[in-house]
Amino acid sequence: MVARAVTPPIPLVRTKRGVSMTNQGTMMASSVDSEIAKFRSIQEELKKMQNDLAIVLKQETENEMVMIELDILNEPVGIFKLLGPVLIPQGLDDSRQTVRKRLEFIRSEKERLQKKIAQKEHSGEELAKKISNMQANLQRTTVDAVRQIQAQHGGQ
């Protein structure tokens, strides 16, 4: 009876192109793809926050214009507030106070969004650096693998 060396089966992974062997390069490429997906997600969130900030900035500008107009007015003018389909009379001081409070809220919302955007941009930059390093490592690993294959075939 002849003894045979038993080699363990090579782990296989299903990919878009079919079945391939798992190796360090495949695992590294898959982790790079995962990080790129996270980066894209961050970019989408950042875009949404920037759109929200643009809306808040527009509201701030509109309310500042209203405040300027209210500051120009004198007391004996009629100011009306639209409440649903009805116009309700409102005093000048009440109108100024309402607009001031609205501006305070809008400015606090603007600051909150700007901080959130800055944090998200920082996260995106850190992730981009990580992805860049991972891609560089993947390239080095690929080059090393090619060299090993060339050395094996060149040495035969």
N, C-alpha and C. Protein backbone atom coordinates (compact mmCIF):
# COMPACT_ATOMS: atom_id res chain seq x y z
N MET A 1 0.84 -1.17 0.00
CA MET A 1 0.00 0.00 0.00
C MET A 1 0.89 1.23 0.00
N VAL A 2 0.57 2.20 -0.85
CA VAL A 2 1.35 3.42 -0.99
C VAL A 2 0.63 4.54 -0.24
N ALA A 3 1.39 5.28 0.56
CA ALA A 3 0.80 6.40 1.32
C ALA A 3 0.76 7.63 0.44
N ARG A 4 -0.35 8.30 0.45
CA ARG A 4 -0.49 9.54 -0.31
C ARG A 4 -0.62 10.71 0.65
N ALA A 5 -0.05 11.81 0.23
CA ALA A 5 -0.20 13.04 1.02
C ALA A 5 -1.58 13.61 0.72
N VAL A 6 -2.31 13.90 1.76
CA VAL A 6 -3.64 14.46 1.58
C VAL A 6 -3.52 15.97 1.69
N THR A 7 -3.92 16.66 0.64
CA THR A 7 -3.90 18.12 0.67
C THR A 7 -5.29 18.62 0.98
N PRO A 8 -5.35 19.62 1.83
CA PRO A 8 -6.68 20.14 2.16
C PRO A 8 -7.29 20.81 0.93
N PRO A 9 -8.61 20.77 0.84
CA PRO A 9 -9.24 21.41 -0.31
C PRO A 9 -9.01 22.93 -0.27
N ILE A 10 -8.90 23.50 -1.43
CA ILE A 10 -8.70 24.95 -1.54
C ILE A 10 -10.06 25.62 -1.37
N PRO A 11 -10.15 26.57 -0.41
CA PRO A 11 -11.44 27.23 -0.23
C PRO A 11 -11.84 28.01 -1.48
N LEU A 12 -13.08 27.92 -1.85
CA LEU A 12 -13.58 28.61 -3.03
C LEU A 12 -14.59 29.67 -2.62
N VAL A 13 -14.63 30.72 -3.41
CA VAL A 13 -15.55 31.82 -3.17
C VAL A 13 -16.31 32.08 -4.44
N ARG A 14 -17.59 32.29 -4.29
CA ARG A 14 -18.40 32.65 -5.44
C ARG A 14 -18.26 34.14 -5.70
N THR A 15 -17.93 34.50 -6.93
CA THR A 15 -17.79 35.90 -7.31
C THR A 15 -18.73 36.18 -8.47
N LYS A 16 -18.75 37.41 -8.92
CA LYS A 16 -19.60 37.79 -10.05
C LYS A 16 -19.17 37.06 -11.32
N ARG A 17 -17.89 36.72 -11.39
CA ARG A 17 -17.36 36.08 -12.59
C ARG A 17 -17.37 34.56 -12.50
N GLY A 18 -17.83 34.01 -11.40
CA GLY A 18 -17.84 32.56 -11.25
C GLY A 18 -17.24 32.17 -9.92
N VAL A 19 -16.46 31.12 -9.91
CA VAL A 19 -15.85 30.62 -8.69
C VAL A 19 -14.35 30.86 -8.78
N SER A 20 -13.76 31.36 -7.68
CA SER A 20 -12.32 31.58 -7.66
C SER A 20 -11.76 31.17 -6.32
N MET A 21 -10.45 30.99 -6.27
CA MET A 21 -9.80 30.61 -5.02
C MET A 21 -9.69 31.84 -4.12
N THR A 22 -9.88 31.64 -2.82
CA THR A 22 -9.67 32.74 -1.89
C THR A 22 -8.19 32.82 -1.62
N ASN A 23 -7.71 34.02 -1.56
CA ASN A 23 -6.33 34.26 -1.19
C ASN A 23 -6.26 35.63 -0.54
N GLN A 24 -5.10 35.98 -0.15
CA GLN A 24 -4.94 37.25 0.55
C GLN A 24 -5.38 38.43 -0.31
N GLY A 25 -5.06 38.40 -1.59
CA GLY A 25 -5.43 39.48 -2.50
C GLY A 25 -6.93 39.63 -2.63
N THR A 26 -7.64 38.50 -2.72
CA THR A 26 -9.09 38.53 -2.85
C THR A 26 -9.73 39.11 -1.59
N MET A 27 -9.21 38.68 -0.45
CA MET A 27 -9.76 39.20 0.81
C MET A 27 -9.48 40.69 0.94
N MET A 28 -8.26 41.10 0.54
CA MET A 28 -7.93 42.52 0.62
C MET A 28 -8.81 43.33 -0.32
N ALA A 29 -9.02 42.82 -1.53
CA ALA A 29 -9.86 43.53 -2.51
C ALA A 29 -11.28 43.65 -2.01
N SER A 30 -11.77 42.60 -1.37
CA SER A 30 -13.14 42.65 -0.85
C SER A 30 -13.26 43.66 0.28
N SER A 31 -12.23 43.76 1.13
CA SER A 31 -12.29 44.75 2.21
C SER A 31 -12.17 46.17 1.66
N VAL A 32 -11.39 46.34 0.58
CA VAL A 32 -11.30 47.66 -0.07
C VAL A 32 -12.67 48.04 -0.64
N ASP A 33 -13.33 47.07 -1.30
CA ASP A 33 -14.67 47.32 -1.85
C ASP A 33 -15.65 47.72 -0.76
N SER A 34 -15.56 47.05 0.38
CA SER A 34 -16.43 47.36 1.51
C SER A 34 -16.20 48.79 2.01
N GLU A 35 -14.96 49.18 2.11
CA GLU A 35 -14.64 50.54 2.57
C GLU A 35 -15.07 51.58 1.54
N ILE A 36 -14.95 51.25 0.28
CA ILE A 36 -15.40 52.18 -0.78
C ILE A 36 -16.91 52.36 -0.69
N ALA A 37 -17.63 51.30 -0.40
CA ALA A 37 -19.09 51.40 -0.24
C ALA A 37 -19.43 52.31 0.94
N LYS A 38 -18.67 52.19 2.03
CA LYS A 38 -18.88 53.08 3.18
C LYS A 38 -18.60 54.52 2.79
N PHE A 39 -17.54 54.74 2.01
CA PHE A 39 -17.17 56.09 1.58
C PHE A 39 -18.28 56.69 0.72
N ARG A 40 -18.83 55.90 -0.18
CA ARG A 40 -19.93 56.39 -1.03
C ARG A 40 -21.14 56.76 -0.18
N SER A 41 -21.40 55.95 0.84
CA SER A 41 -22.52 56.23 1.74
C SER A 41 -22.29 57.56 2.47
N ILE A 42 -21.08 57.78 2.92
CA ILE A 42 -20.74 59.05 3.59
C ILE A 42 -20.94 60.21 2.62
N GLN A 43 -20.53 60.03 1.37
CA GLN A 43 -20.69 61.09 0.37
C GLN A 43 -22.16 61.41 0.13
N GLU A 44 -23.00 60.38 0.11
CA GLU A 44 -24.44 60.61 -0.08
C GLU A 44 -25.04 61.35 1.11
N GLU A 45 -24.65 60.95 2.33
CA GLU A 45 -25.13 61.63 3.53
C GLU A 45 -24.67 63.09 3.53
N LEU A 46 -23.44 63.30 3.12
CA LEU A 46 -22.88 64.65 3.08
C LEU A 46 -23.64 65.52 2.08
N LYS A 47 -23.97 64.95 0.94
CA LYS A 47 -24.72 65.68 -0.08
C LYS A 47 -26.10 66.09 0.46
N LYS A 48 -26.76 65.18 1.17
CA LYS A 48 -28.08 65.48 1.74
C LYS A 48 -27.96 66.59 2.79
N MET A 49 -26.94 66.51 3.64
CA MET A 49 -26.76 67.55 4.66
C MET A 49 -26.47 68.90 4.02
N GLN A 50 -25.70 68.91 2.94
CA GLN A 50 -25.41 70.17 2.26
C GLN A 50 -26.66 70.76 1.62
N ASN A 51 -27.53 69.89 1.10
CA ASN A 51 -28.81 70.37 0.57
C ASN A 51 -29.67 70.96 1.69
N ASP A 52 -29.69 70.28 2.85
CA ASP A 52 -30.44 70.79 4.00
C ASP A 52 -29.89 72.15 4.44
N LEU A 53 -28.56 72.28 4.43
CA LEU A 53 -27.93 73.55 4.81
C LEU A 53 -28.31 74.65 3.83
N ALA A 54 -28.37 74.34 2.56
CA ALA A 54 -28.75 75.34 1.56
C ALA A 54 -30.18 75.84 1.82
N ILE A 55 -31.07 74.94 2.20
CA ILE A 55 -32.45 75.32 2.51
C ILE A 55 -32.48 76.24 3.74
N VAL A 56 -31.71 75.87 4.76
CA VAL A 56 -31.66 76.68 5.99
C VAL A 56 -31.08 78.07 5.70
N LEU A 57 -30.05 78.13 4.86
CA LEU A 57 -29.45 79.42 4.50
C LEU A 57 -30.45 80.30 3.75
N LYS A 58 -31.24 79.68 2.89
CA LYS A 58 -32.27 80.42 2.16
C LYS A 58 -33.30 80.97 3.15
N GLN A 59 -33.73 80.14 4.10
CA GLN A 59 -34.69 80.59 5.11
C GLN A 59 -34.12 81.73 5.95
N GLU A 60 -32.84 81.62 6.28
CA GLU A 60 -32.20 82.68 7.07
C GLU A 60 -32.22 84.00 6.30
N THR A 61 -31.87 83.94 5.03
CA THR A 61 -31.86 85.16 4.21
C THR A 61 -33.25 85.77 4.10
N GLU A 62 -34.24 84.93 3.87
CA GLU A 62 -35.62 85.43 3.76
C GLU A 62 -36.07 86.09 5.05
N ASN A 63 -35.78 85.47 6.17
CA ASN A 63 -36.20 86.04 7.46
C ASN A 63 -35.42 87.29 7.82
N GLU A 64 -34.17 87.37 7.42
CA GLU A 64 -33.40 88.60 7.64
C GLU A 64 -34.01 89.75 6.84
N MET A 65 -34.45 89.45 5.62
CA MET A 65 -35.10 90.48 4.79
C MET A 65 -36.41 90.94 5.44
N VAL A 66 -37.17 90.01 5.98
CA VAL A 66 -38.42 90.36 6.66
C VAL A 66 -38.10 91.23 7.87
N MET A 67 -37.06 90.89 8.61
CA MET A 67 -36.67 91.67 9.79
C MET A 67 -36.29 93.10 9.40
N ILE A 68 -35.57 93.24 8.30
CA ILE A 68 -35.19 94.57 7.82
C ILE A 68 -36.44 95.38 7.48
N GLU A 69 -37.38 94.73 6.79
CA GLU A 69 -38.62 95.41 6.44
C GLU A 69 -39.42 95.81 7.68
N LEU A 70 -39.46 94.94 8.68
CA LEU A 70 -40.18 95.25 9.92
C LEU A 70 -39.50 96.39 10.68
N ASP A 71 -38.18 96.46 10.62
CA ASP A 71 -37.46 97.55 11.30
C ASP A 71 -37.72 98.90 10.64
N ILE A 72 -38.02 98.89 9.36
CA ILE A 72 -38.29 100.13 8.64
C ILE A 72 -39.68 100.67 8.99
N LEU A 73 -40.62 99.78 9.28
CA LEU A 73 -42.01 100.17 9.52
C LEU A 73 -42.19 100.95 10.83
N ASN A 74 -43.21 101.80 10.82
CA ASN A 74 -43.63 102.50 12.05
C ASN A 74 -44.88 101.83 12.57
N GLU A 75 -45.29 102.17 13.78
CA GLU A 75 -46.39 101.50 14.48
C GLU A 75 -47.75 101.52 13.77
N PRO A 76 -48.17 102.60 13.15
CA PRO A 76 -49.55 102.59 12.65
C PRO A 76 -49.77 101.80 11.35
N VAL A 77 -49.02 100.77 11.10
CA VAL A 77 -49.24 99.97 9.89
C VAL A 77 -49.94 98.67 10.27
N GLY A 78 -50.65 98.15 9.32
CA GLY A 78 -51.34 96.88 9.55
C GLY A 78 -50.46 95.71 9.10
N ILE A 79 -50.20 94.82 10.01
CA ILE A 79 -49.42 93.62 9.70
C ILE A 79 -50.35 92.43 9.93
N PHE A 80 -50.33 91.53 8.96
CA PHE A 80 -51.20 90.37 9.05
C PHE A 80 -50.37 89.10 8.94
N LYS A 81 -50.82 88.10 9.69
CA LYS A 81 -50.15 86.80 9.68
C LYS A 81 -51.10 85.82 9.00
N LEU A 82 -50.56 85.07 8.04
CA LEU A 82 -51.36 84.09 7.33
C LEU A 82 -51.40 82.81 8.16
N LEU A 83 -52.57 82.44 8.59
CA LEU A 83 -52.76 81.24 9.40
C LEU A 83 -53.77 80.38 8.66
N GLY A 84 -53.26 79.39 7.91
CA GLY A 84 -54.14 78.60 7.06
C GLY A 84 -54.68 79.50 5.96
N PRO A 85 -56.01 79.49 5.74
CA PRO A 85 -56.59 80.35 4.70
C PRO A 85 -56.99 81.74 5.22
N VAL A 86 -56.65 82.04 6.50
CA VAL A 86 -57.13 83.27 7.12
C VAL A 86 -55.96 84.21 7.43
N LEU A 87 -56.17 85.52 7.18
CA LEU A 87 -55.20 86.54 7.57
C LEU A 87 -55.62 87.09 8.93
N ILE A 88 -54.71 87.02 9.90
CA ILE A 88 -54.99 87.48 11.26
C ILE A 88 -54.12 88.69 11.54
N PRO A 89 -54.72 89.79 12.05
CA PRO A 89 -53.91 90.97 12.36
C PRO A 89 -52.92 90.67 13.49
N GLN A 90 -51.73 91.26 13.36
CA GLN A 90 -50.69 91.04 14.36
C GLN A 90 -49.97 92.38 14.57
N GLY A 91 -49.57 92.65 15.81
CA GLY A 91 -48.88 93.89 16.11
C GLY A 91 -47.44 93.86 15.60
N LEU A 92 -46.87 95.05 15.44
CA LEU A 92 -45.51 95.18 14.92
C LEU A 92 -44.50 94.53 15.87
N ASP A 93 -44.66 94.78 17.18
CA ASP A 93 -43.72 94.20 18.14
C ASP A 93 -43.82 92.67 18.16
N ASP A 94 -45.04 92.15 18.08
CA ASP A 94 -45.22 90.70 18.03
C ASP A 94 -44.56 90.11 16.78
N SER A 95 -44.73 90.81 15.66
CA SER A 95 -44.13 90.35 14.40
C SER A 95 -42.61 90.32 14.50
N ARG A 96 -42.04 91.41 15.05
CA ARG A 96 -40.58 91.46 15.21
C ARG A 96 -40.09 90.34 16.12
N GLN A 97 -40.79 90.11 17.21
CA GLN A 97 -40.40 89.07 18.16
C GLN A 97 -40.48 87.67 17.50
N THR A 98 -41.54 87.46 16.75
CA THR A 98 -41.71 86.18 16.07
C THR A 98 -40.56 85.94 15.08
N VAL A 99 -40.23 86.95 14.30
CA VAL A 99 -39.16 86.81 13.31
C VAL A 99 -37.81 86.63 14.00
N ARG A 100 -37.57 87.37 15.10
CA ARG A 100 -36.31 87.20 15.86
C ARG A 100 -36.15 85.77 16.35
N LYS A 101 -37.23 85.23 16.94
CA LYS A 101 -37.18 83.85 17.44
C LYS A 101 -36.97 82.85 16.30
N ARG A 102 -37.62 83.11 15.19
CA ARG A 102 -37.45 82.24 14.04
C ARG A 102 -35.99 82.30 13.55
N LEU A 103 -35.42 83.49 13.53
CA LEU A 103 -34.01 83.64 13.13
C LEU A 103 -33.07 82.91 14.10
N GLU A 104 -33.37 83.00 15.39
CA GLU A 104 -32.54 82.28 16.38
C GLU A 104 -32.58 80.78 16.10
N PHE A 105 -33.78 80.26 15.87
CA PHE A 105 -33.92 78.84 15.59
C PHE A 105 -33.17 78.45 14.32
N ILE A 106 -33.35 79.25 13.27
CA ILE A 106 -32.70 78.96 11.98
C ILE A 106 -31.18 78.99 12.14
N ARG A 107 -30.68 79.97 12.87
CA ARG A 107 -29.21 80.08 13.05
C ARG A 107 -28.67 78.90 13.86
N SER A 108 -29.42 78.47 14.86
CA SER A 108 -28.94 77.31 15.64
C SER A 108 -28.97 76.05 14.77
N GLU A 109 -29.96 75.93 13.92
CA GLU A 109 -30.04 74.80 13.00
C GLU A 109 -28.89 74.85 11.99
N LYS A 110 -28.57 76.05 11.53
CA LYS A 110 -27.46 76.23 10.58
C LYS A 110 -26.14 75.80 11.24
N GLU A 111 -25.91 76.23 12.46
CA GLU A 111 -24.68 75.85 13.18
C GLU A 111 -24.61 74.35 13.38
N ARG A 112 -25.73 73.74 13.74
CA ARG A 112 -25.77 72.29 13.95
C ARG A 112 -25.42 71.55 12.67
N LEU A 113 -26.01 72.00 11.55
CA LEU A 113 -25.72 71.36 10.27
C LEU A 113 -24.27 71.56 9.85
N GLN A 114 -23.73 72.76 10.08
CA GLN A 114 -22.34 73.02 9.71
C GLN A 114 -21.39 72.12 10.50
N LYS A 115 -21.68 71.92 11.79
CA LYS A 115 -20.84 71.03 12.61
C LYS A 115 -20.95 69.59 12.11
N LYS A 116 -22.17 69.17 11.81
CA LYS A 116 -22.39 67.81 11.32
C LYS A 116 -21.66 67.58 10.00
N ILE A 117 -21.73 68.58 9.12
CA ILE A 117 -21.05 68.49 7.83
C ILE A 117 -19.54 68.40 8.03
N ALA A 118 -19.00 69.22 8.92
CA ALA A 118 -17.57 69.20 9.18
C ALA A 118 -17.15 67.83 9.71
N GLN A 119 -17.93 67.26 10.62
CA GLN A 119 -17.62 65.93 11.16
C GLN A 119 -17.68 64.86 10.06
N LYS A 120 -18.70 64.94 9.23
CA LYS A 120 -18.86 63.96 8.16
C LYS A 120 -17.73 64.09 7.14
N GLU A 121 -17.33 65.34 6.83
CA GLU A 121 -16.21 65.55 5.91
C GLU A 121 -14.93 64.96 6.49
N HIS A 122 -14.73 65.16 7.79
CA HIS A 122 -13.54 64.60 8.45
C HIS A 122 -13.56 63.07 8.37
N SER A 123 -14.72 62.48 8.65
CA SER A 123 -14.85 61.02 8.55
C SER A 123 -14.54 60.55 7.14
N GLY A 124 -15.05 61.28 6.16
CA GLY A 124 -14.81 60.92 4.76
C GLY A 124 -13.34 61.02 4.40
N GLU A 125 -12.66 62.06 4.89
CA GLU A 125 -11.23 62.22 4.62
C GLU A 125 -10.43 61.09 5.25
N GLU A 126 -10.78 60.74 6.49
CA GLU A 126 -10.08 59.64 7.17
C GLU A 126 -10.29 58.32 6.42
N LEU A 127 -11.53 58.09 6.00
CA LEU A 127 -11.83 56.87 5.27
C LEU A 127 -11.12 56.85 3.92
N ALA A 128 -11.03 58.00 3.26
CA ALA A 128 -10.32 58.07 1.98
C ALA A 128 -8.85 57.73 2.16
N LYS A 129 -8.23 58.21 3.25
CA LYS A 129 -6.84 57.88 3.53
C LYS A 129 -6.69 56.37 3.76
N LYS A 130 -7.63 55.82 4.53
CA LYS A 130 -7.60 54.38 4.83
C LYS A 130 -7.71 53.57 3.54
N ILE A 131 -8.63 53.98 2.67
CA ILE A 131 -8.83 53.28 1.39
C ILE A 131 -7.57 53.37 0.55
N SER A 132 -6.97 54.54 0.52
CA SER A 132 -5.74 54.74 -0.26
C SER A 132 -4.64 53.81 0.25
N ASN A 133 -4.49 53.72 1.57
CA ASN A 133 -3.48 52.82 2.14
C ASN A 133 -3.80 51.36 1.83
N MET A 134 -5.08 51.00 1.91
CA MET A 134 -5.47 49.63 1.62
C MET A 134 -5.19 49.29 0.15
N GLN A 135 -5.47 50.23 -0.75
CA GLN A 135 -5.22 50.00 -2.17
C GLN A 135 -3.72 49.87 -2.43
N ALA A 136 -2.92 50.68 -1.75
CA ALA A 136 -1.46 50.59 -1.91
C ALA A 136 -0.97 49.22 -1.42
N ASN A 137 -1.50 48.76 -0.29
CA ASN A 137 -1.13 47.44 0.22
C ASN A 137 -1.55 46.34 -0.74
N LEU A 138 -2.73 46.49 -1.32
CA LEU A 138 -3.21 45.51 -2.29
C LEU A 138 -2.30 45.47 -3.51
N GLN A 139 -1.88 46.63 -3.98
CA GLN A 139 -0.97 46.69 -5.13
C GLN A 139 0.36 46.02 -4.80
N ARG A 140 0.89 46.30 -3.60
CA ARG A 140 2.15 45.67 -3.18
C ARG A 140 2.00 44.15 -3.11
N THR A 141 0.88 43.71 -2.55
CA THR A 141 0.63 42.27 -2.44
C THR A 141 0.54 41.64 -3.83
N THR A 142 -0.13 42.32 -4.75
CA THR A 142 -0.26 41.81 -6.12
C THR A 142 1.10 41.73 -6.80
N VAL A 143 1.90 42.77 -6.66
CA VAL A 143 3.25 42.78 -7.26
C VAL A 143 4.08 41.65 -6.67
N ASP A 144 4.02 41.46 -5.36
CA ASP A 144 4.78 40.39 -4.71
C ASP A 144 4.32 39.02 -5.22
N ALA A 145 3.02 38.84 -5.39
CA ALA A 145 2.49 37.57 -5.89
C ALA A 145 2.96 37.30 -7.32
N VAL A 146 2.96 38.33 -8.14
CA VAL A 146 3.42 38.19 -9.52
C VAL A 146 4.89 37.81 -9.54
N ARG A 147 5.67 38.44 -8.70
CA ARG A 147 7.11 38.13 -8.62
C ARG A 147 7.33 36.69 -8.18
N GLN A 148 6.52 36.23 -7.21
CA GLN A 148 6.67 34.86 -6.74
C GLN A 148 6.33 33.87 -7.87
N ILE A 149 5.27 34.17 -8.59
CA ILE A 149 4.88 33.30 -9.70
C ILE A 149 5.97 33.29 -10.77
N GLN A 150 6.51 34.46 -11.07
CA GLN A 150 7.59 34.54 -12.06
C GLN A 150 8.81 33.78 -11.59
N ALA A 151 9.13 33.88 -10.31
CA ALA A 151 10.30 33.17 -9.76
C ALA A 151 10.08 31.67 -9.83
N GLN A 152 8.85 31.22 -9.55
CA GLN A 152 8.56 29.79 -9.59
C GLN A 152 8.66 29.25 -11.03
N HIS A 153 8.14 29.99 -11.96
CA HIS A 153 8.14 29.53 -13.35
C HIS A 153 9.51 29.76 -13.99
N GLY A 154 10.21 30.76 -13.56
CA GLY A 154 11.53 31.03 -14.11
C GLY A 154 12.56 30.05 -13.59
N GLY A 155 12.34 29.52 -12.40
CA GLY A 155 13.29 28.61 -11.78
C GLY A 155 13.11 27.18 -12.22
N GLN A 156 12.11 26.85 -13.02
CA GLN A 156 11.87 25.46 -13.42
C GLN A 156 12.66 25.06 -14.62
